């Protein structure tokens, strides 16, 4: 018979990379990006208990994101380790939290957003500077312009790509005023999922692949585009 769970007030947790796809190498695992962080924090919040989260990398870039998510205040501490988490795998008092999302996205707190003035009345947010952005010789102005003209005729877009210079809190506000988000599988698509909900996120890719798989499970509209070079 297994022993009953630890009923301490704080649940001790560690990050688990166990279910990550094989294409994620160790270096990639050590530098969680925005989308991965949002999914990890969502999983922690979905546990519904105060917890201490142990993660195995230094200089965590998105630590403050916890304060922006409903329920993030229940994650009491983050311990940065320079070594892996193998030491935690066999400990019965530590629960492993998967990086890839297993439940619904957490919700971004409206009181943490930073307002942006002079936004259009009716618009979608757009972001295309992720690594999965498809480009071909015919797309002189980029994939965003091509999709805007061919698939979203008459729609108004606000570009929230990193090159636009909006902070994370400003981007969340812009998304909160929008009808939804269009772009690549990137941190911005995951951020939009916490603001407008995943069913209002349209993710485009060159083919049906690993990209967007977990977001698609949550409700992303996953679209495929093929643009052939002109003769």
C-alpha atoms as a PDB file:
ATOM      1  CA  UNK A   1       0.000   0.000   0.000  1.00  0.00           C
ATOM      2  CA  UNK A   2       1.303   3.426  -0.920  1.00  0.00           C
ATOM      3  CA  UNK A   3       1.673   6.041   1.779  1.00  0.00           C
ATOM      4  CA  UNK A   4      -0.852   8.904   1.878  1.00  0.00           C
ATOM      5  CA  UNK A   5       0.147  12.187   0.253  1.00  0.00           C
ATOM      6  CA  UNK A   6       1.975  14.793   2.263  1.00  0.00           C
ATOM      7  CA  UNK A   7      -0.621  17.125   3.788  1.00  0.00           C
ATOM      8  CA  UNK A   8       1.782  19.973   4.430  1.00  0.00           C
ATOM      9  CA  UNK A   9       0.501  23.436   3.577  1.00  0.00           C
ATOM     10  CA  UNK A  10       3.065  23.886   0.822  1.00  0.00           C
ATOM     11  CA  UNK A  11       3.459  21.305  -1.910  1.00  0.00           C
ATOM     12  CA  UNK A  12       7.057  20.876  -3.052  1.00  0.00           C
ATOM     13  CA  UNK A  13       7.349  20.627  -6.833  1.00  0.00           C
ATOM     14  CA  UNK A  14      10.070  20.369  -9.426  1.00  0.00           C
ATOM     15  CA  UNK A  15       9.989  20.904 -13.177  1.00  0.00           C
ATOM     16  CA  UNK A  16       9.740  17.738 -15.271  1.00  0.00           C
ATOM     17  CA  UNK A  17      11.115  17.526 -18.810  1.00  0.00           C
ATOM     18  CA  UNK A  18      10.150  13.866 -18.989  1.00  0.00           C
ATOM     19  CA  UNK A  19       7.382  14.344 -21.555  1.00  0.00           C
ATOM     20  CA  UNK A  20       9.146  16.837 -23.787  1.00  0.00           C
ATOM     21  CA  UNK A  21       9.586  15.698 -27.413  1.00  0.00           C
ATOM     22  CA  UNK A  22      12.918  14.185 -28.371  1.00  0.00           C
ATOM     23  CA  UNK A  23      13.807  17.189 -30.535  1.00  0.00           C
ATOM     24  CA  UNK A  24      14.184  19.368 -27.410  1.00  0.00           C
ATOM     25  CA  UNK A  25      17.840  19.025 -26.515  1.00  0.00           C
ATOM     26  CA  UNK A  26      19.337  19.659 -23.095  1.00  0.00           C
ATOM     27  CA  UNK A  27      20.447  23.186 -23.954  1.00  0.00           C
ATOM     28  CA  UNK A  28      16.925  24.056 -25.035  1.00  0.00           C
ATOM     29  CA  UNK A  29      15.524  22.584 -21.834  1.00  0.00           C
ATOM     30  CA  UNK A  30      17.724  24.886 -19.811  1.00  0.00           C
ATOM     31  CA  UNK A  31      16.398  28.087 -21.397  1.00  0.00           C
ATOM     32  CA  UNK A  32      12.629  28.002 -21.076  1.00  0.00           C
ATOM     33  CA  UNK A  33      11.094  30.591 -23.359  1.00  0.00           C
ATOM     34  CA  UNK A  34       7.923  32.608 -22.784  1.00  0.00           C
ATOM     35  CA  UNK A  35       5.505  30.019 -24.160  1.00  0.00           C
ATOM     36  CA  UNK A  36       7.101  27.184 -22.177  1.00  0.00           C
ATOM     37  CA  UNK A  37       7.034  29.305 -19.020  1.00  0.00           C
ATOM     38  CA  UNK A  38       3.351  30.143 -19.445  1.00  0.00           C
ATOM     39  CA  UNK A  39       2.523  26.450 -19.857  1.00  0.00           C
ATOM     40  CA  UNK A  40       4.640  25.479 -16.833  1.00  0.00           C
ATOM     41  CA  UNK A  41       3.054  28.135 -14.614  1.00  0.00           C
ATOM     42  CA  UNK A  42      -0.413  27.146 -15.826  1.00  0.00           C
ATOM     43  CA  UNK A  43       0.272  23.560 -14.796  1.00  0.00           C
ATOM     44  CA  UNK A  44       1.454  24.712 -11.365  1.00  0.00           C
ATOM     45  CA  UNK A  45      -1.612  26.906 -10.877  1.00  0.00           C
ATOM     46  CA  UNK A  46      -3.890  24.058 -12.014  1.00  0.00           C
ATOM     47  CA  UNK A  47      -2.636  22.018  -9.044  1.00  0.00           C
ATOM     48  CA  UNK A  48      -4.746  24.297  -6.868  1.00  0.00           C
ATOM     49  CA  UNK A  49      -2.367  24.266  -3.906  1.00  0.00           C
ATOM     50  CA  UNK A  50       0.307  26.569  -2.518  1.00  0.00           C
ATOM     51  CA  UNK A  51       3.630  25.228  -3.672  1.00  0.00           C
ATOM     52  CA  UNK A  52       7.351  25.734  -3.890  1.00  0.00           C
ATOM     53  CA  UNK A  53       8.627  25.287  -7.414  1.00  0.00           C
ATOM     54  CA  UNK A  54      12.185  24.127  -7.992  1.00  0.00           C
ATOM     55  CA  UNK A  55      13.614  24.851 -11.433  1.00  0.00           C
ATOM     56  CA  UNK A  56      17.049  23.950 -12.761  1.00  0.00           C
ATOM     57  CA  UNK A  57      18.358  27.061 -14.439  1.00  0.00           C
ATOM     58  CA  UNK A  58      19.834  30.364 -13.320  1.00  0.00           C
ATOM     59  CA  UNK A  59      18.734  33.927 -14.086  1.00  0.00           C
ATOM     60  CA  UNK A  60      15.113  33.011 -14.772  1.00  0.00           C
ATOM     61  CA  UNK A  61      13.905  35.638 -17.269  1.00  0.00           C
ATOM     62  CA  UNK A  62      10.147  35.413 -16.666  1.00  0.00           C
ATOM     63  CA  UNK A  63      10.028  35.054 -12.889  1.00  0.00           C
ATOM     64  CA  UNK A  64       7.792  38.153 -12.512  1.00  0.00           C
ATOM     65  CA  UNK A  65       5.203  36.570 -14.795  1.00  0.00           C
ATOM     66  CA  UNK A  66       3.886  34.650 -11.775  1.00  0.00           C
ATOM     67  CA  UNK A  67       2.479  37.859 -10.312  1.00  0.00           C
ATOM     68  CA  UNK A  68       0.567  38.488 -13.548  1.00  0.00           C
ATOM     69  CA  UNK A  69      -1.428  35.244 -13.561  1.00  0.00           C
ATOM     70  CA  UNK A  70      -4.499  34.433 -11.494  1.00  0.00           C
ATOM     71  CA  UNK A  71      -3.351  31.938  -8.884  1.00  0.00           C
ATOM     72  CA  UNK A  72       0.320  32.747  -9.352  1.00  0.00           C
ATOM     73  CA  UNK A  73       0.479  34.049  -5.803  1.00  0.00           C
ATOM     74  CA  UNK A  74       0.161  30.455  -4.582  1.00  0.00           C
ATOM     75  CA  UNK A  75       3.598  29.643  -5.946  1.00  0.00           C
ATOM     76  CA  UNK A  76       5.551  30.800  -2.920  1.00  0.00           C
ATOM     77  CA  UNK A  77       9.155  30.321  -3.930  1.00  0.00           C
ATOM     78  CA  UNK A  78      11.406  29.546  -6.845  1.00  0.00           C
ATOM     79  CA  UNK A  79      14.777  27.959  -6.141  1.00  0.00           C
ATOM     80  CA  UNK A  80      17.295  28.386  -8.930  1.00  0.00           C
ATOM     81  CA  UNK A  81      19.635  25.429  -9.241  1.00  0.00           C
ATOM     82  CA  UNK A  82      22.732  25.090 -11.378  1.00  0.00           C
ATOM     83  CA  UNK A  83      22.312  21.314 -11.618  1.00  0.00           C
ATOM     84  CA  UNK A  84      19.571  19.045 -12.876  1.00  0.00           C
ATOM     85  CA  UNK A  85      16.532  17.787 -10.994  1.00  0.00           C
ATOM     86  CA  UNK A  86      17.321  14.073 -11.091  1.00  0.00           C
ATOM     87  CA  UNK A  87      17.750  14.150  -7.319  1.00  0.00           C
ATOM     88  CA  UNK A  88      14.028  14.905  -6.992  1.00  0.00           C
ATOM     89  CA  UNK A  89      12.669  12.159  -9.231  1.00  0.00           C
ATOM     90  CA  UNK A  90      12.635   9.423  -6.596  1.00  0.00           C
ATOM     91  CA  UNK A  91      11.508  11.559  -3.671  1.00  0.00           C
ATOM     92  CA  UNK A  92       7.906  10.792  -2.657  1.00  0.00           C
ATOM     93  CA  UNK A  93       7.472  14.247  -1.107  1.00  0.00           C
ATOM     94  CA  UNK A  94       8.167  16.075  -4.390  1.00  0.00           C
ATOM     95  CA  UNK A  95       5.713  16.240  -7.272  1.00  0.00           C
ATOM     96  CA  UNK A  96       7.019  16.730 -10.804  1.00  0.00           C
ATOM     97  CA  UNK A  97       5.209  19.413 -12.813  1.00  0.00           C
ATOM     98  CA  UNK A  98       5.316  18.978 -16.615  1.00  0.00           C
ATOM     99  CA  UNK A  99       6.501  21.861 -18.753  1.00  0.00           C
ATOM    100  CA  UNK A 100       4.012  21.097 -21.542  1.00  0.00           C
ATOM    101  CA  UNK A 101       0.504  22.153 -20.633  1.00  0.00           C
ATOM    102  CA  UNK A 102      -1.813  19.507 -19.204  1.00  0.00           C
ATOM    103  CA  UNK A 103      -4.759  21.667 -18.198  1.00  0.00           C
ATOM    104  CA  UNK A 104      -6.262  25.032 -19.131  1.00  0.00           C
ATOM    105  CA  UNK A 105      -4.146  28.126 -19.509  1.00  0.00           C
ATOM    106  CA  UNK A 106      -3.940  30.420 -16.506  1.00  0.00           C
ATOM    107  CA  UNK A 107      -5.607  33.806 -16.916  1.00  0.00           C
ATOM    108  CA  UNK A 108      -3.617  37.030 -17.145  1.00  0.00           C
ATOM    109  CA  UNK A 109      -4.676  39.539 -14.473  1.00  0.00           C
ATOM    110  CA  UNK A 110      -6.197  42.708 -15.920  1.00  0.00           C
ATOM    111  CA  UNK A 111      -4.844  44.821 -13.047  1.00  0.00           C
ATOM    112  CA  UNK A 112      -1.295  43.917 -14.080  1.00  0.00           C
ATOM    113  CA  UNK A 113      -1.684  45.127 -17.664  1.00  0.00           C
ATOM    114  CA  UNK A 114      -0.246  48.461 -18.770  1.00  0.00           C
ATOM    115  CA  UNK A 115      -2.678  50.496 -20.934  1.00  0.00           C
ATOM    116  CA  UNK A 116      -1.691  51.546 -24.438  1.00  0.00           C
ATOM    117  CA  UNK A 117      -3.375  54.576 -26.005  1.00  0.00           C
ATOM    118  CA  UNK A 118      -4.825  55.119 -29.467  1.00  0.00           C
ATOM    119  CA  UNK A 119      -5.680  51.538 -30.331  1.00  0.00           C
ATOM    120  CA  UNK A 120      -8.179  50.820 -33.134  1.00  0.00           C
ATOM    121  CA  UNK A 121     -11.788  50.066 -32.236  1.00  0.00           C
ATOM    122  CA  UNK A 122     -11.918  46.666 -33.909  1.00  0.00           C
ATOM    123  CA  UNK A 123      -8.713  44.699 -34.466  1.00  0.00           C
ATOM    124  CA  UNK A 124      -6.694  41.480 -34.174  1.00  0.00           C
ATOM    125  CA  UNK A 125      -3.169  41.264 -32.817  1.00  0.00           C
ATOM    126  CA  UNK A 126      -0.482  39.929 -35.149  1.00  0.00           C
ATOM    127  CA  UNK A 127       2.996  38.488 -34.531  1.00  0.00           C
ATOM    128  CA  UNK A 128       5.322  36.894 -37.078  1.00  0.00           C
ATOM    129  CA  UNK A 129       8.903  37.125 -35.857  1.00  0.00           C
ATOM    130  CA  UNK A 130       9.014  33.655 -34.268  1.00  0.00           C
ATOM    131  CA  UNK A 131      11.365  30.902 -35.424  1.00  0.00           C
ATOM    132  CA  UNK A 132       8.519  29.013 -37.133  1.00  0.00           C
ATOM    133  CA  UNK A 133       7.637  31.864 -39.486  1.00  0.00           C
ATOM    134  CA  UNK A 134       7.517  30.561 -43.087  1.00  0.00           C
ATOM    135  CA  UNK A 135       9.183  32.675 -45.781  1.00  0.00           C
ATOM    136  CA  UNK A 136       9.555  32.131 -49.499  1.00  0.00           C
ATOM    137  CA  UNK A 137      10.825  34.187 -52.430  1.00  0.00           C
ATOM    138  CA  UNK A 138       7.310  35.500 -53.118  1.00  0.00           C
ATOM    139  CA  UNK A 139       6.871  36.972 -49.651  1.00  0.00           C
ATOM    140  CA  UNK A 140       8.819  40.178 -50.066  1.00  0.00           C
ATOM    141  CA  UNK A 141       6.883  41.846 -47.255  1.00  0.00           C
ATOM    142  CA  UNK A 142       6.783  38.821 -44.984  1.00  0.00           C
ATOM    143  CA  UNK A 143       4.192  36.203 -44.202  1.00  0.00           C
ATOM    144  CA  UNK A 144       2.110  38.553 -42.064  1.00  0.00           C
ATOM    145  CA  UNK A 145       1.331  40.852 -44.995  1.00  0.00           C
ATOM    146  CA  UNK A 146       0.559  37.898 -47.248  1.00  0.00           C
ATOM    147  CA  UNK A 147      -1.889  36.344 -44.780  1.00  0.00           C
ATOM    148  CA  UNK A 148      -3.483  39.680 -43.966  1.00  0.00           C
ATOM    149  CA  UNK A 149      -4.244  40.340 -47.626  1.00  0.00           C
ATOM    150  CA  UNK A 150      -5.306  36.820 -48.603  1.00  0.00           C
ATOM    151  CA  UNK A 151      -7.080  35.432 -45.539  1.00  0.00           C
ATOM    152  CA  UNK A 152      -8.196  38.351 -43.368  1.00  0.00           C
ATOM    153  CA  UNK A 153      -9.531  40.782 -45.925  1.00  0.00           C
ATOM    154  CA  UNK A 154     -10.850  43.937 -44.285  1.00  0.00           C
ATOM    155  CA  UNK A 155      -9.447  43.185 -40.823  1.00  0.00           C
ATOM    156  CA  UNK A 156      -7.307  45.661 -38.880  1.00  0.00           C
ATOM    157  CA  UNK A 157      -4.159  44.377 -37.173  1.00  0.00           C
ATOM    158  CA  UNK A 158      -1.963  45.654 -34.352  1.00  0.00           C
ATOM    159  CA  UNK A 159       1.528  44.187 -34.582  1.00  0.00           C
ATOM    160  CA  UNK A 160       2.776  42.931 -31.201  1.00  0.00           C
ATOM    161  CA  UNK A 161       6.052  41.451 -32.456  1.00  0.00           C
ATOM    162  CA  UNK A 162       9.050  42.047 -30.236  1.00  0.00           C
ATOM    163  CA  UNK A 163      10.431  44.502 -32.762  1.00  0.00           C
ATOM    164  CA  UNK A 164       7.524  46.854 -31.987  1.00  0.00           C
ATOM    165  CA  UNK A 165       8.935  47.522 -28.537  1.00  0.00           C
ATOM    166  CA  UNK A 166       5.875  46.784 -26.395  1.00  0.00           C
ATOM    167  CA  UNK A 167       6.524  45.420 -22.921  1.00  0.00           C
ATOM    168  CA  UNK A 168       4.933  42.141 -21.855  1.00  0.00           C
ATOM    169  CA  UNK A 169       2.373  44.032 -19.744  1.00  0.00           C
ATOM    170  CA  UNK A 170       1.543  46.410 -22.622  1.00  0.00           C
ATOM    171  CA  UNK A 171       1.197  43.484 -25.021  1.00  0.00           C
ATOM    172  CA  UNK A 172      -1.239  41.768 -22.659  1.00  0.00           C
ATOM    173  CA  UNK A 173      -3.341  44.950 -22.541  1.00  0.00           C
ATOM    174  CA  UNK A 174      -3.396  45.270 -26.327  1.00  0.00           C
ATOM    175  CA  UNK A 175      -4.477  41.651 -26.599  1.00  0.00           C
ATOM    176  CA  UNK A 176      -7.221  42.228 -24.031  1.00  0.00           C
ATOM    177  CA  UNK A 177      -8.731  44.893 -26.291  1.00  0.00           C
ATOM    178  CA  UNK A 178      -8.561  42.722 -29.407  1.00  0.00           C
ATOM    179  CA  UNK A 179     -10.874  40.173 -31.001  1.00  0.00           C
ATOM    180  CA  UNK A 180      -8.093  37.562 -31.030  1.00  0.00           C
ATOM    181  CA  UNK A 181      -4.557  36.837 -32.131  1.00  0.00           C
ATOM    182  CA  UNK A 182      -2.979  35.706 -35.425  1.00  0.00           C
ATOM    183  CA  UNK A 183       0.602  34.528 -35.800  1.00  0.00           C
ATOM    184  CA  UNK A 184       3.231  31.830 -35.469  1.00  0.00           C
ATOM    185  CA  UNK A 185       3.571  29.278 -32.690  1.00  0.00           C
ATOM    186  CA  UNK A 186       5.454  31.510 -30.289  1.00  0.00           C
ATOM    187  CA  UNK A 187       5.365  32.966 -26.820  1.00  0.00           C
ATOM    188  CA  UNK A 188       2.909  35.611 -28.024  1.00  0.00           C
ATOM    189  CA  UNK A 189       0.389  32.953 -29.046  1.00  0.00           C
ATOM    190  CA  UNK A 190       0.625  31.438 -25.571  1.00  0.00           C
ATOM    191  CA  UNK A 191       0.329  34.883 -23.991  1.00  0.00           C
ATOM    192  CA  UNK A 192      -2.805  35.566 -26.045  1.00  0.00           C
ATOM    193  CA  UNK A 193      -4.216  32.284 -24.756  1.00  0.00           C
ATOM    194  CA  UNK A 194      -4.007  33.654 -21.213  1.00  0.00           C
ATOM    195  CA  UNK A 195      -5.716  36.910 -22.217  1.00  0.00           C
ATOM    196  CA  UNK A 196      -8.403  36.224 -24.858  1.00  0.00           C
ATOM    197  CA  UNK A 197      -8.441  32.427 -24.521  1.00  0.00           C
ATOM    198  CA  UNK A 198      -6.925  29.784 -26.832  1.00  0.00           C
ATOM    199  CA  UNK A 199     -10.019  29.456 -29.053  1.00  0.00           C
ATOM    200  CA  UNK A 200      -9.373  32.999 -30.314  1.00  0.00           C
ATOM    201  CA  UNK A 201      -5.775  32.245 -31.312  1.00  0.00           C
ATOM    202  CA  UNK A 202      -5.007  31.451 -34.975  1.00  0.00           C
ATOM    203  CA  UNK A 203      -1.606  29.813 -35.461  1.00  0.00           C
ATOM    204  CA  UNK A 204      -0.181  29.497 -38.985  1.00  0.00           C
ATOM    205  CA  UNK A 205       2.603  27.163 -40.071  1.00  0.00           C
ATOM    206  CA  UNK A 206       4.069  25.693 -43.249  1.00  0.00           C
ATOM    207  CA  UNK A 207       2.819  22.206 -42.453  1.00  0.00           C
ATOM    208  CA  UNK A 208       1.093  20.175 -39.795  1.00  0.00           C
ATOM    209  CA  UNK A 209       3.964  19.478 -37.419  1.00  0.00           C
ATOM    210  CA  UNK A 210       4.984  19.617 -33.795  1.00  0.00           C
ATOM    211  CA  UNK A 211       4.492  23.389 -33.792  1.00  0.00           C
ATOM    212  CA  UNK A 212       1.331  24.426 -32.005  1.00  0.00           C
ATOM    213  CA  UNK A 213       0.477  20.857 -30.996  1.00  0.00           C
ATOM    214  CA  UNK A 214      -0.138  21.594 -27.347  1.00  0.00           C
ATOM    215  CA  UNK A 215      -1.845  24.906 -28.022  1.00  0.00           C
ATOM    216  CA  UNK A 216      -4.044  23.146 -30.552  1.00  0.00           C
ATOM    217  CA  UNK A 217      -5.082  20.712 -27.838  1.00  0.00           C
ATOM    218  CA  UNK A 218      -6.267  23.707 -25.831  1.00  0.00           C
ATOM    219  CA  UNK A 219      -8.279  25.138 -28.711  1.00  0.00           C
ATOM    220  CA  UNK A 220      -5.951  27.003 -31.053  1.00  0.00           C
ATOM    221  CA  UNK A 221      -7.178  27.281 -34.625  1.00  0.00           C
ATOM    222  CA  UNK A 222      -4.155  25.730 -36.348  1.00  0.00           C
ATOM    223  CA  UNK A 223      -3.831  26.742 -39.988  1.00  0.00           C
ATOM    224  CA  UNK A 224      -1.420  25.551 -42.650  1.00  0.00           C
ATOM    225  CA  UNK A 225      -0.134  27.718 -45.499  1.00  0.00           C
ATOM    226  CA  UNK A 226       1.870  26.728 -48.568  1.00  0.00           C
ATOM    227  CA  UNK A 227       3.367  29.483 -50.698  1.00  0.00           C
ATOM    228  CA  UNK A 228       5.329  28.356 -53.750  1.00  0.00           C
ATOM    229  CA  UNK A 229       8.004  30.530 -55.369  1.00  0.00           C
ATOM    230  CA  UNK A 230       6.988  32.200 -58.606  1.00  0.00           C
ATOM    231  CA  UNK A 231       8.358  30.763 -61.843  1.00  0.00           C
END
